[in-house]
């Protein structure tokens, strides 16, 4: 009788160990194939005229993120000459935000290639 009880206990223990390892492997397979997704962000652009020219605001999820009253390069403190040029620069930055880029910088060369100078 004790041999049967011992045998049953060993088998039960073995089944418990195997089932725990299988569950752990399944959980690892689920998390390894899953990429982390950043939360969705709503990006809004608005434009305004100042004494220096045109500027823009970029809001992310309703919070002001960038308030740009001057050209975003060392261009002497002037604003964009037209609203359309401010729109080009703001849209460029918006695309960088949507693409989850870390550096939200526009160089003078990029502004020139966009036609925003």
C-alpha atoms as a PDB file:
ATOM      1  CA  UNK A   1       0.000   0.000   0.000  1.00  0.00           C
ATOM      2  CA  UNK A   2       2.784   2.445   0.855  1.00  0.00           C
ATOM      3  CA  UNK A   3       4.526   1.624  -2.450  1.00  0.00           C
ATOM      4  CA  UNK A   4       1.347   2.542  -4.356  1.00  0.00           C
ATOM      5  CA  UNK A   5       1.012   5.784  -2.392  1.00  0.00           C
ATOM      6  CA  UNK A   6       4.680   6.629  -2.958  1.00  0.00           C
ATOM      7  CA  UNK A   7       4.399   5.794  -6.681  1.00  0.00           C
ATOM      8  CA  UNK A   8       1.219   7.901  -7.031  1.00  0.00           C
ATOM      9  CA  UNK A   9       2.859  10.815  -5.208  1.00  0.00           C
ATOM     10  CA  UNK A  10       5.912  10.686  -7.488  1.00  0.00           C
ATOM     11  CA  UNK A  11       3.754  10.565 -10.625  1.00  0.00           C
ATOM     12  CA  UNK A  12       1.598  13.471  -9.368  1.00  0.00           C
ATOM     13  CA  UNK A  13       4.703  15.525  -8.585  1.00  0.00           C
ATOM     14  CA  UNK A  14       6.149  14.782 -12.031  1.00  0.00           C
ATOM     15  CA  UNK A  15       2.892  15.830 -13.755  1.00  0.00           C
ATOM     16  CA  UNK A  16       2.829  19.057 -11.716  1.00  0.00           C
ATOM     17  CA  UNK A  17       6.412  19.924 -12.703  1.00  0.00           C
ATOM     18  CA  UNK A  18       5.801  19.207 -16.408  1.00  0.00           C
ATOM     19  CA  UNK A  19       2.582  21.251 -16.494  1.00  0.00           C
ATOM     20  CA  UNK A  20       4.290  24.267 -14.870  1.00  0.00           C
ATOM     21  CA  UNK A  21       7.130  24.169 -17.398  1.00  0.00           C
ATOM     22  CA  UNK A  22       4.708  23.945 -20.326  1.00  0.00           C
ATOM     23  CA  UNK A  23       2.738  26.979 -19.102  1.00  0.00           C
ATOM     24  CA  UNK A  24       5.932  28.952 -18.619  1.00  0.00           C
ATOM     25  CA  UNK A  25       7.091  28.113 -22.158  1.00  0.00           C
ATOM     26  CA  UNK A  26       3.735  29.186 -23.620  1.00  0.00           C
ATOM     27  CA  UNK A  27       3.904  32.520 -21.786  1.00  0.00           C
ATOM     28  CA  UNK A  28       7.452  33.138 -23.064  1.00  0.00           C
ATOM     29  CA  UNK A  29       6.390  32.414 -26.633  1.00  0.00           C
ATOM     30  CA  UNK A  30       3.555  34.934 -26.338  1.00  0.00           C
ATOM     31  CA  UNK A  31       5.765  37.734 -24.988  1.00  0.00           C
ATOM     32  CA  UNK A  32       8.758  37.135 -27.273  1.00  0.00           C
ATOM     33  CA  UNK A  33       6.764  37.691 -30.477  1.00  0.00           C
ATOM     34  CA  UNK A  34       4.953  40.775 -29.167  1.00  0.00           C
ATOM     35  CA  UNK A  35       6.508  44.157 -29.867  1.00  0.00           C
ATOM     36  CA  UNK A  36       5.793  47.050 -27.545  1.00  0.00           C
ATOM     37  CA  UNK A  37       3.576  49.642 -29.164  1.00  0.00           C
ATOM     38  CA  UNK A  38       3.657  53.238 -28.063  1.00  0.00           C
ATOM     39  CA  UNK A  39       0.315  54.715 -27.110  1.00  0.00           C
ATOM     40  CA  UNK A  40      -1.536  56.519 -29.878  1.00  0.00           C
ATOM     41  CA  UNK A  41      -0.958  60.250 -29.899  1.00  0.00           C
ATOM     42  CA  UNK A  42      -3.138  62.957 -31.348  1.00  0.00           C
ATOM     43  CA  UNK A  43      -0.975  65.647 -32.933  1.00  0.00           C
ATOM     44  CA  UNK A  44      -2.612  69.012 -33.661  1.00  0.00           C
ATOM     45  CA  UNK A  45      -1.013  71.939 -35.473  1.00  0.00           C
ATOM     46  CA  UNK A  46      -1.983  75.600 -35.300  1.00  0.00           C
ATOM     47  CA  UNK A  47      -0.444  78.680 -36.898  1.00  0.00           C
ATOM     48  CA  UNK A  48      -0.220  82.302 -35.861  1.00  0.00           C
ATOM     49  CA  UNK A  49       1.276  85.563 -37.031  1.00  0.00           C
ATOM     50  CA  UNK A  50       3.752  87.493 -34.855  1.00  0.00           C
ATOM     51  CA  UNK A  51       5.777  90.659 -35.246  1.00  0.00           C
ATOM     52  CA  UNK A  52       8.627  88.446 -36.564  1.00  0.00           C
ATOM     53  CA  UNK A  53       6.561  86.583 -39.192  1.00  0.00           C
ATOM     54  CA  UNK A  54       4.611  83.313 -38.915  1.00  0.00           C
ATOM     55  CA  UNK A  55       4.966  80.630 -36.259  1.00  0.00           C
ATOM     56  CA  UNK A  56       3.283  77.427 -35.202  1.00  0.00           C
ATOM     57  CA  UNK A  57       2.230  75.396 -32.196  1.00  0.00           C
ATOM     58  CA  UNK A  58       2.336  71.619 -31.990  1.00  0.00           C
ATOM     59  CA  UNK A  59       0.054  69.984 -29.431  1.00  0.00           C
ATOM     60  CA  UNK A  60       0.249  66.324 -28.488  1.00  0.00           C
ATOM     61  CA  UNK A  61      -2.853  64.913 -26.801  1.00  0.00           C
ATOM     62  CA  UNK A  62      -4.090  68.414 -26.061  1.00  0.00           C
ATOM     63  CA  UNK A  63      -0.866  69.653 -24.412  1.00  0.00           C
ATOM     64  CA  UNK A  64       1.334  72.304 -25.991  1.00  0.00           C
ATOM     65  CA  UNK A  65       4.561  70.586 -26.983  1.00  0.00           C
ATOM     66  CA  UNK A  66       6.277  73.093 -29.284  1.00  0.00           C
ATOM     67  CA  UNK A  67       5.659  76.844 -29.512  1.00  0.00           C
ATOM     68  CA  UNK A  68       7.786  78.077 -32.420  1.00  0.00           C
ATOM     69  CA  UNK A  69       7.796  81.824 -33.006  1.00  0.00           C
ATOM     70  CA  UNK A  70      11.178  81.980 -34.807  1.00  0.00           C
ATOM     71  CA  UNK A  71      12.705  79.868 -37.529  1.00  0.00           C
ATOM     72  CA  UNK A  72      13.938  76.702 -35.756  1.00  0.00           C
ATOM     73  CA  UNK A  73      17.559  77.326 -36.718  1.00  0.00           C
ATOM     74  CA  UNK A  74      19.975  80.133 -36.082  1.00  0.00           C
ATOM     75  CA  UNK A  75      18.483  82.436 -38.681  1.00  0.00           C
ATOM     76  CA  UNK A  76      18.584  85.760 -36.848  1.00  0.00           C
ATOM     77  CA  UNK A  77      15.360  85.507 -34.833  1.00  0.00           C
ATOM     78  CA  UNK A  78      12.976  85.969 -37.733  1.00  0.00           C
ATOM     79  CA  UNK A  79       9.772  84.036 -38.221  1.00  0.00           C
ATOM     80  CA  UNK A  80       8.539  82.227 -41.299  1.00  0.00           C
ATOM     81  CA  UNK A  81       7.825  84.642 -44.141  1.00  0.00           C
ATOM     82  CA  UNK A  82       4.423  83.106 -44.931  1.00  0.00           C
ATOM     83  CA  UNK A  83       1.889  80.843 -43.293  1.00  0.00           C
ATOM     84  CA  UNK A  84       2.537  78.217 -45.990  1.00  0.00           C
ATOM     85  CA  UNK A  85       6.213  78.051 -45.016  1.00  0.00           C
ATOM     86  CA  UNK A  86       5.282  77.606 -41.348  1.00  0.00           C
ATOM     87  CA  UNK A  87       2.899  74.806 -42.395  1.00  0.00           C
ATOM     88  CA  UNK A  88       5.722  73.006 -44.260  1.00  0.00           C
ATOM     89  CA  UNK A  89       7.984  73.042 -41.193  1.00  0.00           C
ATOM     90  CA  UNK A  90       5.230  72.054 -38.764  1.00  0.00           C
ATOM     91  CA  UNK A  91       4.087  69.172 -40.984  1.00  0.00           C
ATOM     92  CA  UNK A  92       7.696  67.963 -41.206  1.00  0.00           C
ATOM     93  CA  UNK A  93       7.929  67.880 -37.401  1.00  0.00           C
ATOM     94  CA  UNK A  94       4.509  66.250 -37.109  1.00  0.00           C
ATOM     95  CA  UNK A  95       5.708  63.425 -39.334  1.00  0.00           C
ATOM     96  CA  UNK A  96       8.771  62.970 -37.113  1.00  0.00           C
ATOM     97  CA  UNK A  97       6.461  62.731 -34.077  1.00  0.00           C
ATOM     98  CA  UNK A  98       4.203  60.211 -35.827  1.00  0.00           C
ATOM     99  CA  UNK A  99       7.292  58.154 -36.740  1.00  0.00           C
ATOM    100  CA  UNK A 100       8.399  58.220 -33.064  1.00  0.00           C
ATOM    101  CA  UNK A 101      11.697  59.918 -33.831  1.00  0.00           C
ATOM    102  CA  UNK A 102      13.540  61.172 -30.783  1.00  0.00           C
ATOM    103  CA  UNK A 103      15.245  64.254 -32.222  1.00  0.00           C
ATOM    104  CA  UNK A 104      12.663  66.821 -33.229  1.00  0.00           C
ATOM    105  CA  UNK A 105      15.134  69.141 -34.879  1.00  0.00           C
ATOM    106  CA  UNK A 106      15.010  70.881 -38.241  1.00  0.00           C
ATOM    107  CA  UNK A 107      18.295  72.068 -39.708  1.00  0.00           C
ATOM    108  CA  UNK A 108      18.685  75.073 -41.959  1.00  0.00           C
ATOM    109  CA  UNK A 109      19.423  72.694 -44.866  1.00  0.00           C
ATOM    110  CA  UNK A 110      16.196  70.755 -44.197  1.00  0.00           C
ATOM    111  CA  UNK A 111      14.171  73.973 -44.047  1.00  0.00           C
ATOM    112  CA  UNK A 112      15.732  75.029 -47.332  1.00  0.00           C
ATOM    113  CA  UNK A 113      14.975  71.668 -48.995  1.00  0.00           C
ATOM    114  CA  UNK A 114      11.372  71.867 -47.764  1.00  0.00           C
ATOM    115  CA  UNK A 115      11.063  75.343 -49.265  1.00  0.00           C
ATOM    116  CA  UNK A 116      10.332  76.836 -45.846  1.00  0.00           C
ATOM    117  CA  UNK A 117      13.123  79.435 -45.797  1.00  0.00           C
END
